[in-house]
């Protein structure tokens, strides 16, 4: 039985699948739905049987924005006290790889959720964008920050100011997505990639992810010091011993995530 109201979760072949499930409203994100997404991600992160997480949307879209009806009457003090973005901050603490599969629309909060993924695959018909400016607001869950880090200040300002849709091809050009895939095989290709990652040593995946995100914010020197510590740390793992022994013995390693 699915314990969540707005999402579906399942696991198979060491992969945790999280599906946004409000298809009648194009998976518009309300606060309870975001809380469910975060809780499901954390549950997968703490489940030793899960190696990789795949995030996708049910129906015709990934997620077409935030639920405007929910926030139309809010004021600054209510939002400050509500502190809703604290839930979003928890997504950045997930240690396992998160692979996003986007089809249809990923707009506003939906685009911000997509940008929280570590690797993003998009259907060729996908559309991204931050239309918040057209209703008198702006992204608030990291959109201005993550988009700028991906494509740079000048191009990010153009998209954020105009609020126009970005095609999947443009998203690929600017480094927002990793690959474009025919819509009918989007989940198949995303799952195939996740399966490849699931065969890799989990501790290496975890520490590589951690080091790469430090590279985004740290100076080169600080980032390299952090990388070095993680490199050294892996030499205390069983998987490092097994991986190198298997290489010397010319056999396939059996990684255990310890």
Protein backbone atom coordinates (compact mmCIF):
# COMPACT_ATOMS: atom_id res chain seq x y z
CA UNK A 1 0.00 0.00 0.00
CA UNK A 2 1.33 3.44 -0.94
CA UNK A 3 1.58 5.49 2.28
CA UNK A 4 1.94 8.75 0.36
CA UNK A 5 -0.90 10.91 -0.96
CA UNK A 6 0.88 12.74 -3.79
CA UNK A 7 3.75 10.47 -4.85
CA UNK A 8 4.34 6.82 -5.65
CA UNK A 9 7.42 4.89 -4.59
CA UNK A 10 8.78 1.46 -5.41
CA UNK A 11 12.14 -0.29 -5.47
CA UNK A 12 13.61 -2.87 -7.79
CA UNK A 13 17.11 -3.95 -8.82
CA UNK A 14 18.72 -1.75 -6.13
CA UNK A 15 16.98 1.35 -7.55
CA UNK A 16 14.45 3.47 -5.68
CA UNK A 17 11.78 4.96 -7.97
CA UNK A 18 9.94 8.10 -6.85
CA UNK A 19 7.08 9.23 -9.10
CA UNK A 20 5.26 12.56 -8.71
CA UNK A 21 1.58 11.62 -8.74
CA UNK A 22 -0.82 14.55 -9.17
CA UNK A 23 -1.34 14.07 -12.92
CA UNK A 24 -4.67 15.95 -13.05
CA UNK A 25 -2.85 19.19 -12.15
CA UNK A 26 0.35 18.29 -14.05
CA UNK A 27 2.04 17.34 -10.75
CA UNK A 28 1.90 20.88 -9.38
CA UNK A 29 3.87 20.91 -6.14
CA UNK A 30 2.05 21.79 -2.94
CA UNK A 31 3.78 21.90 0.44
CA UNK A 32 2.59 18.48 1.58
CA UNK A 33 3.78 16.96 -1.70
CA UNK A 34 7.25 18.48 -1.26
CA UNK A 35 7.37 17.08 2.29
CA UNK A 36 6.46 13.63 0.94
CA UNK A 37 9.16 13.87 -1.76
CA UNK A 38 11.81 14.76 0.83
CA UNK A 39 10.71 12.01 3.21
CA UNK A 40 10.78 9.41 0.42
CA UNK A 41 14.24 10.54 -0.71
CA UNK A 42 15.52 10.29 2.86
CA UNK A 43 13.98 6.83 3.27
CA UNK A 44 15.76 5.64 0.10
CA UNK A 45 18.99 7.28 1.29
CA UNK A 46 18.89 5.28 4.54
CA UNK A 47 17.92 1.99 2.87
CA UNK A 48 21.08 -0.10 2.33
CA UNK A 49 19.38 -2.10 -0.44
CA UNK A 50 18.95 1.06 -2.55
CA UNK A 51 21.99 2.28 -4.51
CA UNK A 52 20.46 4.90 -6.84
CA UNK A 53 17.28 7.02 -6.86
CA UNK A 54 15.23 7.83 -9.98
CA UNK A 55 12.78 10.76 -9.90
CA UNK A 56 10.04 11.16 -12.53
CA UNK A 57 6.48 12.41 -13.04
CA UNK A 58 3.19 10.62 -13.76
CA UNK A 59 1.00 11.68 -16.66
CA UNK A 60 1.72 14.43 -19.19
CA UNK A 61 4.37 16.39 -17.25
CA UNK A 62 7.20 16.15 -14.77
CA UNK A 63 5.89 19.05 -12.69
CA UNK A 64 4.31 22.23 -14.04
CA UNK A 65 5.19 24.47 -11.10
CA UNK A 66 4.09 25.18 -7.57
CA UNK A 67 0.46 25.11 -6.45
CA UNK A 68 -0.45 28.81 -6.90
CA UNK A 69 -3.84 28.41 -5.19
CA UNK A 70 -2.02 27.38 -2.01
CA UNK A 71 0.11 30.52 -1.79
CA UNK A 72 -1.93 33.26 -3.49
CA UNK A 73 -3.09 34.78 -0.18
CA UNK A 74 0.19 34.35 1.74
CA UNK A 75 2.09 37.30 3.18
CA UNK A 76 5.76 37.77 4.04
CA UNK A 77 5.41 37.08 7.76
CA UNK A 78 3.39 33.90 7.22
CA UNK A 79 6.00 32.62 4.75
CA UNK A 80 8.85 33.47 7.12
CA UNK A 81 7.19 31.57 9.96
CA UNK A 82 6.19 28.70 7.68
CA UNK A 83 9.85 28.31 6.54
CA UNK A 84 8.72 25.97 3.75
CA UNK A 85 12.06 25.99 1.93
CA UNK A 86 13.73 24.20 4.85
CA UNK A 87 12.23 21.02 3.36
CA UNK A 88 13.90 21.76 0.02
CA UNK A 89 17.24 22.24 1.80
CA UNK A 90 17.09 18.61 2.96
CA UNK A 91 17.27 17.37 -0.64
CA UNK A 92 20.86 18.63 -0.87
CA UNK A 93 21.76 16.33 2.03
CA UNK A 94 20.87 13.14 0.12
CA UNK A 95 24.09 11.17 -0.35
CA UNK A 96 23.01 8.72 -3.05
CA UNK A 97 22.82 9.60 -6.76
CA UNK A 98 19.50 11.14 -7.81
CA UNK A 99 18.71 10.71 -11.51
CA UNK A 100 15.89 12.84 -12.89
CA UNK A 101 13.75 11.86 -15.88
CA UNK A 102 11.84 14.87 -17.25
CA UNK A 103 9.05 14.77 -19.82
CA UNK A 104 6.51 17.42 -20.69
CA UNK A 105 6.76 20.50 -18.49
CA UNK A 106 9.27 21.22 -15.72
CA UNK A 107 8.33 24.77 -14.77
CA UNK A 108 8.85 26.93 -11.70
CA UNK A 109 9.08 24.69 -8.65
CA UNK A 110 9.09 21.70 -11.00
CA UNK A 111 12.23 23.04 -12.68
CA UNK A 112 13.77 23.69 -9.25
CA UNK A 113 13.07 20.09 -8.27
CA UNK A 114 14.65 18.87 -11.52
CA UNK A 115 17.73 20.99 -10.77
CA UNK A 116 18.04 19.21 -7.41
CA UNK A 117 18.84 15.99 -9.31
CA UNK A 118 22.49 15.08 -9.78
CA UNK A 119 22.01 13.93 -13.37
CA UNK A 120 19.09 14.94 -15.56
CA UNK A 121 17.72 13.11 -18.61
CA UNK A 122 15.04 14.82 -20.67
CA UNK A 123 12.55 13.70 -23.27
CA UNK A 124 13.04 15.51 -26.57
CA UNK A 125 9.66 17.22 -26.05
CA UNK A 126 10.42 18.47 -22.53
CA UNK A 127 10.14 22.16 -21.68
CA UNK A 128 11.83 23.94 -18.79
CA UNK A 129 11.38 27.44 -17.44
CA UNK A 130 10.89 29.90 -14.60
CA UNK A 131 7.65 31.80 -15.36
CA UNK A 132 7.44 33.22 -11.80
CA UNK A 133 8.17 36.75 -13.01
CA UNK A 134 4.89 36.70 -14.95
CA UNK A 135 2.92 36.49 -11.69
CA UNK A 136 4.98 39.07 -9.82
CA UNK A 137 7.36 36.82 -7.92
CA UNK A 138 10.61 34.90 -8.50
CA UNK A 139 12.03 31.43 -7.85
CA UNK A 140 12.47 30.75 -4.13
CA UNK A 141 13.64 27.13 -3.86
CA UNK A 142 17.06 27.58 -5.43
CA UNK A 143 16.19 28.38 -9.04
CA UNK A 144 18.25 31.56 -9.34
CA UNK A 145 21.22 29.89 -7.68
CA UNK A 146 21.34 26.50 -9.38
CA UNK A 147 20.57 27.80 -12.86
CA UNK A 148 23.29 30.45 -12.56
CA UNK A 149 25.86 27.89 -11.42
CA UNK A 150 25.01 25.73 -14.43
CA UNK A 151 24.90 28.31 -17.24
CA UNK A 152 26.48 31.47 -15.87
CA UNK A 153 25.13 34.86 -14.84
CA UNK A 154 24.25 36.47 -18.16
CA UNK A 155 22.26 33.60 -19.68
CA UNK A 156 20.56 32.78 -16.37
CA UNK A 157 19.34 36.37 -16.05
CA UNK A 158 17.90 36.23 -19.55
CA UNK A 159 15.80 33.13 -18.77
CA UNK A 160 14.80 34.31 -15.30
CA UNK A 161 13.83 37.82 -16.42
CA UNK A 162 11.87 36.82 -19.52
CA UNK A 163 10.16 33.80 -17.94
CA UNK A 164 10.02 32.11 -21.32
CA UNK A 165 10.08 28.30 -21.84
CA UNK A 166 13.41 26.63 -22.55
CA UNK A 167 13.31 23.71 -25.00
CA UNK A 168 15.00 20.42 -24.16
CA UNK A 169 17.53 21.15 -26.90
CA UNK A 170 18.38 24.52 -25.34
CA UNK A 171 18.61 22.89 -21.90
CA UNK A 172 21.13 20.41 -23.31
CA UNK A 173 23.12 23.22 -24.95
CA UNK A 174 23.43 25.12 -21.67
CA UNK A 175 24.39 22.07 -19.62
CA UNK A 176 21.11 21.90 -17.72
CA UNK A 177 20.43 18.31 -18.83
CA UNK A 178 22.79 15.45 -19.59
CA UNK A 179 20.98 13.71 -22.44
CA UNK A 180 17.97 14.06 -24.73
CA UNK A 181 15.98 10.86 -25.20
CA UNK A 182 12.94 9.94 -27.29
CA UNK A 183 9.87 10.28 -25.03
CA UNK A 184 8.78 6.67 -25.45
CA UNK A 185 12.08 5.30 -24.09
CA UNK A 186 12.88 7.98 -21.49
CA UNK A 187 12.28 5.77 -18.45
CA UNK A 188 13.94 2.76 -20.09
CA UNK A 189 17.14 4.72 -20.80
CA UNK A 190 17.11 6.44 -17.41
CA UNK A 191 16.69 3.09 -15.67
CA UNK A 192 19.51 1.58 -17.72
CA UNK A 193 21.83 4.38 -16.59
CA UNK A 194 20.72 3.93 -12.97
CA UNK A 195 21.39 0.19 -13.22
CA UNK A 196 24.96 0.91 -14.36
CA UNK A 197 25.49 3.19 -11.38
CA UNK A 198 24.00 0.58 -9.06
CA UNK A 199 26.87 -1.80 -9.92
CA UNK A 200 29.48 0.73 -8.78
CA UNK A 201 30.89 0.82 -5.23
CA UNK A 202 28.38 2.89 -3.19
CA UNK A 203 30.99 4.64 -1.06
CA UNK A 204 32.83 5.85 -4.17
CA UNK A 205 29.57 7.17 -5.62
CA UNK A 206 28.83 8.95 -2.36
CA UNK A 207 32.24 10.59 -1.92
CA UNK A 208 32.53 11.57 -5.60
CA UNK A 209 29.13 13.30 -5.38
CA UNK A 210 30.23 15.11 -2.24
CA UNK A 211 33.51 16.27 -3.80
CA UNK A 212 31.89 17.45 -7.04
CA UNK A 213 29.40 19.63 -5.16
CA UNK A 214 32.26 21.15 -3.16
CA UNK A 215 33.95 21.99 -6.47
CA UNK A 216 30.98 24.18 -7.38
CA UNK A 217 31.49 26.43 -4.35
CA UNK A 218 35.10 26.01 -3.24
CA UNK A 219 38.25 27.51 -4.70
CA UNK A 220 40.37 25.05 -6.69
CA UNK A 221 42.82 24.66 -3.81
CA UNK A 222 40.11 24.05 -1.19
CA UNK A 223 38.30 21.66 -3.50
CA UNK A 224 41.43 19.64 -4.13
CA UNK A 225 42.12 19.36 -0.40
CA UNK A 226 38.58 18.04 0.07
CA UNK A 227 38.97 15.61 -2.83
CA UNK A 228 42.22 14.31 -1.35
CA UNK A 229 40.63 13.58 2.02
CA UNK A 230 37.84 11.60 0.35
CA UNK A 231 40.41 9.74 -1.76
CA UNK A 232 42.29 8.75 1.39
CA UNK A 233 39.05 7.81 3.16
CA UNK A 234 38.15 5.23 0.51
CA UNK A 235 41.34 3.31 1.33
CA UNK A 236 39.69 2.33 4.62
CA UNK A 237 36.83 0.61 2.78
CA UNK A 238 36.29 -3.05 2.00
CA UNK A 239 35.29 -2.11 -1.55
CA UNK A 240 38.69 -0.52 -2.25
CA UNK A 241 40.47 -3.69 -1.15
CA UNK A 242 38.06 -5.86 -3.14
CA UNK A 243 38.21 -3.64 -6.23
CA UNK A 244 41.98 -3.58 -6.43
CA UNK A 245 42.31 -7.28 -5.58
CA UNK A 246 39.79 -8.14 -8.32
CA UNK A 247 41.71 -5.98 -10.79
CA UNK A 248 44.98 -7.79 -10.00
CA UNK A 249 43.25 -11.18 -10.17
CA UNK A 250 41.51 -10.21 -13.44
CA UNK A 251 37.99 -10.91 -12.15
CA UNK A 252 34.81 -8.92 -11.58
CA UNK A 253 34.68 -7.24 -8.15
CA UNK A 254 31.86 -7.82 -5.67
CA UNK A 255 31.21 -4.51 -3.98
CA UNK A 256 29.37 -4.45 -0.64
CA UNK A 257 29.17 -0.76 0.18
CA UNK A 258 31.43 -0.92 3.21
